[in-house]
N, C-alpha and C. Protein backbone atom coordinates (compact mmCIF):
# COMPACT_ATOMS: atom_id res chain seq x y z
N MET A 1 -28.83 -9.80 14.45
CA MET A 1 -27.59 -9.09 14.24
C MET A 1 -26.62 -10.05 13.52
N VAL A 2 -25.99 -9.55 12.45
CA VAL A 2 -25.09 -10.35 11.63
C VAL A 2 -23.76 -9.63 11.50
N LEU A 3 -22.65 -10.39 11.55
CA LEU A 3 -21.33 -9.80 11.32
C LEU A 3 -21.04 -9.80 9.82
N GLU A 4 -20.53 -8.70 9.35
CA GLU A 4 -20.21 -8.55 7.93
C GLU A 4 -18.82 -7.96 7.80
N LYS A 5 -18.02 -8.46 6.84
CA LYS A 5 -16.69 -7.90 6.58
C LYS A 5 -16.83 -6.63 5.76
N LYS A 6 -16.09 -5.61 6.17
CA LYS A 6 -16.10 -4.35 5.44
C LYS A 6 -14.66 -3.93 5.19
N ARG A 7 -14.39 -3.38 4.02
CA ARG A 7 -13.04 -2.93 3.65
C ARG A 7 -12.97 -1.42 3.83
N LEU A 8 -12.05 -0.98 4.69
CA LEU A 8 -11.88 0.45 4.98
C LEU A 8 -10.56 0.94 4.39
N ASP A 9 -10.59 2.10 3.76
CA ASP A 9 -9.38 2.74 3.26
C ASP A 9 -8.71 3.44 4.44
N ILE A 10 -7.54 2.94 4.85
CA ILE A 10 -6.82 3.50 6.00
C ILE A 10 -5.53 4.17 5.58
N THR A 11 -5.36 4.44 4.30
CA THR A 11 -4.11 4.96 3.76
C THR A 11 -3.63 6.20 4.52
N ASP A 12 -4.54 7.13 4.79
CA ASP A 12 -4.15 8.38 5.45
C ASP A 12 -3.76 8.19 6.91
N ARG A 13 -4.09 7.05 7.50
CA ARG A 13 -3.79 6.81 8.91
C ARG A 13 -2.53 5.97 9.11
N VAL A 14 -1.94 5.47 8.02
CA VAL A 14 -0.76 4.62 8.11
C VAL A 14 0.50 5.48 8.17
N VAL A 15 1.40 5.10 9.08
CA VAL A 15 2.67 5.81 9.27
C VAL A 15 3.79 4.85 8.93
N GLY A 16 4.81 5.35 8.23
CA GLY A 16 5.96 4.52 7.87
C GLY A 16 7.20 4.95 8.61
N LYS A 17 7.99 3.94 9.04
CA LYS A 17 9.29 4.20 9.68
C LYS A 17 10.33 3.53 8.81
N LEU A 18 11.26 4.33 8.33
CA LEU A 18 12.26 3.88 7.38
C LEU A 18 13.30 2.97 8.03
N GLY A 19 13.55 1.84 7.39
CA GLY A 19 14.58 0.89 7.80
C GLY A 19 15.63 0.81 6.70
N PRO A 20 16.56 -0.16 6.78
CA PRO A 20 17.65 -0.24 5.80
C PRO A 20 17.18 -0.52 4.38
N ASN A 21 16.31 -1.50 4.20
CA ASN A 21 15.85 -1.85 2.85
C ASN A 21 14.33 -1.85 2.74
N ASN A 22 13.67 -1.39 3.79
CA ASN A 22 12.21 -1.39 3.77
C ASN A 22 11.67 -0.28 4.65
N MET A 23 10.36 -0.19 4.65
CA MET A 23 9.68 0.75 5.52
C MET A 23 8.66 -0.04 6.33
N ASP A 24 8.75 0.05 7.66
CA ASP A 24 7.77 -0.59 8.52
C ASP A 24 6.51 0.27 8.52
N LEU A 25 5.36 -0.37 8.38
CA LEU A 25 4.09 0.34 8.31
C LEU A 25 3.30 0.13 9.60
N TYR A 26 2.80 1.22 10.17
CA TYR A 26 2.09 1.19 11.44
C TYR A 26 0.71 1.84 11.30
N LEU A 27 -0.23 1.27 12.03
CA LEU A 27 -1.55 1.86 12.19
C LEU A 27 -1.77 2.03 13.68
N GLU A 28 -1.79 3.27 14.14
CA GLU A 28 -1.96 3.58 15.56
C GLU A 28 -0.97 2.78 16.43
N ASN A 29 0.30 2.87 16.13
CA ASN A 29 1.40 2.24 16.86
C ASN A 29 1.42 0.71 16.76
N GLU A 30 0.59 0.11 15.91
CA GLU A 30 0.61 -1.34 15.70
C GLU A 30 1.26 -1.62 14.35
N LEU A 31 2.28 -2.46 14.36
CA LEU A 31 2.96 -2.84 13.13
C LEU A 31 1.99 -3.68 12.28
N ILE A 32 1.68 -3.19 11.06
CA ILE A 32 0.74 -3.92 10.20
C ILE A 32 1.43 -4.54 8.99
N GLY A 33 2.71 -4.24 8.78
CA GLY A 33 3.42 -4.84 7.67
C GLY A 33 4.65 -4.05 7.28
N LYS A 34 5.18 -4.42 6.10
CA LYS A 34 6.39 -3.77 5.59
C LYS A 34 6.21 -3.46 4.11
N MET A 35 6.92 -2.44 3.67
CA MET A 35 6.98 -2.11 2.26
C MET A 35 8.45 -2.15 1.87
N SER A 36 8.81 -3.06 0.95
CA SER A 36 10.21 -3.16 0.53
C SER A 36 10.49 -2.05 -0.49
N LEU A 37 11.68 -1.50 -0.38
CA LEU A 37 12.10 -0.42 -1.27
C LEU A 37 13.16 -0.97 -2.21
N SER A 38 12.85 -0.99 -3.50
CA SER A 38 13.82 -1.51 -4.46
C SER A 38 13.68 -0.75 -5.77
N ASP A 39 14.66 -0.95 -6.65
CA ASP A 39 14.63 -0.28 -7.95
C ASP A 39 13.50 -0.81 -8.83
N GLU A 40 13.07 -2.06 -8.59
CA GLU A 40 12.00 -2.65 -9.39
C GLU A 40 10.63 -2.15 -8.98
N GLY A 41 10.51 -1.50 -7.87
CA GLY A 41 9.23 -1.00 -7.38
C GLY A 41 8.99 -1.43 -5.95
N ASN A 42 7.94 -0.92 -5.38
CA ASN A 42 7.61 -1.22 -3.99
C ASN A 42 6.80 -2.51 -3.91
N ARG A 43 7.10 -3.32 -2.90
CA ARG A 43 6.34 -4.54 -2.62
C ARG A 43 5.85 -4.47 -1.19
N TYR A 44 4.59 -4.83 -1.01
CA TYR A 44 4.00 -4.78 0.32
C TYR A 44 3.88 -6.18 0.90
N GLU A 45 4.22 -6.32 2.16
CA GLU A 45 3.99 -7.54 2.93
C GLU A 45 3.17 -7.13 4.14
N LEU A 46 1.86 -7.35 4.07
CA LEU A 46 0.96 -6.88 5.11
C LEU A 46 0.42 -8.03 5.93
N ASN A 47 0.11 -7.75 7.20
CA ASN A 47 -0.47 -8.75 8.09
C ASN A 47 -1.87 -9.13 7.61
N ASN A 48 -2.38 -10.26 8.14
CA ASN A 48 -3.75 -10.67 7.83
C ASN A 48 -4.72 -9.56 8.20
N GLY A 49 -5.71 -9.35 7.36
CA GLY A 49 -6.70 -8.31 7.60
C GLY A 49 -6.38 -7.00 6.92
N PHE A 50 -5.23 -6.94 6.23
CA PHE A 50 -4.82 -5.73 5.52
C PHE A 50 -4.44 -6.10 4.10
N GLU A 51 -4.66 -5.18 3.17
CA GLU A 51 -4.21 -5.39 1.79
C GLU A 51 -3.89 -4.07 1.13
N GLU A 52 -3.06 -4.16 0.10
CA GLU A 52 -2.67 -2.98 -0.68
C GLU A 52 -3.24 -3.16 -2.08
N GLU A 53 -3.78 -2.08 -2.61
CA GLU A 53 -4.29 -2.08 -3.97
C GLU A 53 -4.11 -0.68 -4.54
N GLN A 54 -3.39 -0.58 -5.64
CA GLN A 54 -3.14 0.69 -6.33
C GLN A 54 -2.62 1.77 -5.37
N ASN A 55 -1.60 1.38 -4.59
CA ASN A 55 -0.93 2.28 -3.64
C ASN A 55 -1.84 2.82 -2.54
N LYS A 56 -2.90 2.11 -2.23
CA LYS A 56 -3.75 2.42 -1.08
C LYS A 56 -3.74 1.20 -0.17
N ILE A 57 -3.88 1.44 1.13
CA ILE A 57 -3.88 0.35 2.10
C ILE A 57 -5.28 0.24 2.70
N TYR A 58 -5.79 -0.99 2.73
CA TYR A 58 -7.13 -1.26 3.22
C TYR A 58 -7.07 -2.21 4.41
N GLN A 59 -8.03 -2.04 5.31
CA GLN A 59 -8.18 -2.93 6.45
C GLN A 59 -9.56 -3.56 6.39
N TYR A 60 -9.62 -4.87 6.63
CA TYR A 60 -10.90 -5.57 6.71
C TYR A 60 -11.32 -5.64 8.17
N VAL A 61 -12.54 -5.18 8.45
CA VAL A 61 -13.06 -5.19 9.82
C VAL A 61 -14.43 -5.85 9.81
N ASP A 62 -14.81 -6.41 10.95
CA ASP A 62 -16.15 -6.99 11.12
C ASP A 62 -17.07 -5.91 11.67
N ILE A 63 -18.19 -5.71 11.02
CA ILE A 63 -19.19 -4.76 11.52
C ILE A 63 -20.50 -5.52 11.70
N THR A 64 -21.34 -5.02 12.59
CA THR A 64 -22.64 -5.66 12.79
C THR A 64 -23.66 -5.00 11.88
N THR A 65 -24.52 -5.82 11.30
CA THR A 65 -25.59 -5.30 10.47
C THR A 65 -26.91 -5.77 11.05
N GLY A 66 -27.94 -5.07 10.71
CA GLY A 66 -29.26 -5.41 11.23
C GLY A 66 -29.64 -4.42 12.31
N PRO A 67 -30.85 -4.52 12.79
CA PRO A 67 -31.32 -3.55 13.79
C PRO A 67 -30.58 -3.71 15.11
N ASP A 68 -30.36 -2.59 15.76
CA ASP A 68 -29.75 -2.59 17.08
C ASP A 68 -30.81 -3.09 18.07
N GLN A 69 -30.50 -4.12 18.80
CA GLN A 69 -31.48 -4.82 19.62
C GLN A 69 -32.19 -3.89 20.61
N LYS A 70 -31.53 -2.86 21.12
CA LYS A 70 -32.16 -2.02 22.13
C LYS A 70 -33.28 -1.16 21.56
N TYR A 71 -33.40 -1.06 20.22
CA TYR A 71 -34.45 -0.27 19.62
C TYR A 71 -35.54 -1.11 18.95
N VAL A 72 -35.47 -2.40 19.08
CA VAL A 72 -36.41 -3.28 18.37
C VAL A 72 -37.77 -3.29 19.03
N ASP A 73 -37.84 -3.29 20.35
CA ASP A 73 -39.11 -3.46 21.05
C ASP A 73 -39.69 -2.13 21.53
N CYS A 74 -39.78 -1.14 20.66
CA CYS A 74 -40.34 0.15 21.04
C CYS A 74 -41.86 0.07 21.15
N ASP A 75 -42.39 0.80 22.11
CA ASP A 75 -43.84 0.89 22.30
C ASP A 75 -44.26 2.30 21.90
N ASP A 76 -44.56 2.46 20.63
CA ASP A 76 -44.88 3.80 20.11
C ASP A 76 -46.15 4.37 20.71
N GLU A 77 -47.11 3.52 21.10
CA GLU A 77 -48.36 4.00 21.63
C GLU A 77 -48.18 4.66 23.00
N ASN A 78 -47.27 4.11 23.82
CA ASN A 78 -47.05 4.65 25.16
C ASN A 78 -45.85 5.60 25.20
N GLY A 79 -45.15 5.76 24.09
CA GLY A 79 -44.08 6.74 24.01
C GLY A 79 -42.76 6.33 24.62
N TRP A 80 -42.48 5.06 24.75
CA TRP A 80 -41.18 4.65 25.29
C TRP A 80 -40.49 3.72 24.29
N CYS A 81 -39.18 3.71 24.41
CA CYS A 81 -38.38 2.89 23.51
C CYS A 81 -37.21 2.30 24.27
């Protein structure tokens, strides 16, 4: 089993709460960063593990790859797994 980084598009799950000069960004009630609101355009300041690209927000998560250990030692001849 190996851990691998995967980038997930979480844009639809992010909620913004408007502040005086910025918008606080939340994912499931967890503050993940801020988006500054200015005439020059929006700037994102996101916590580690999150990034913005082309107005989408991504989260990096660790996933396991490889066979699930509980299914590796199956005995097909006797019908159990």
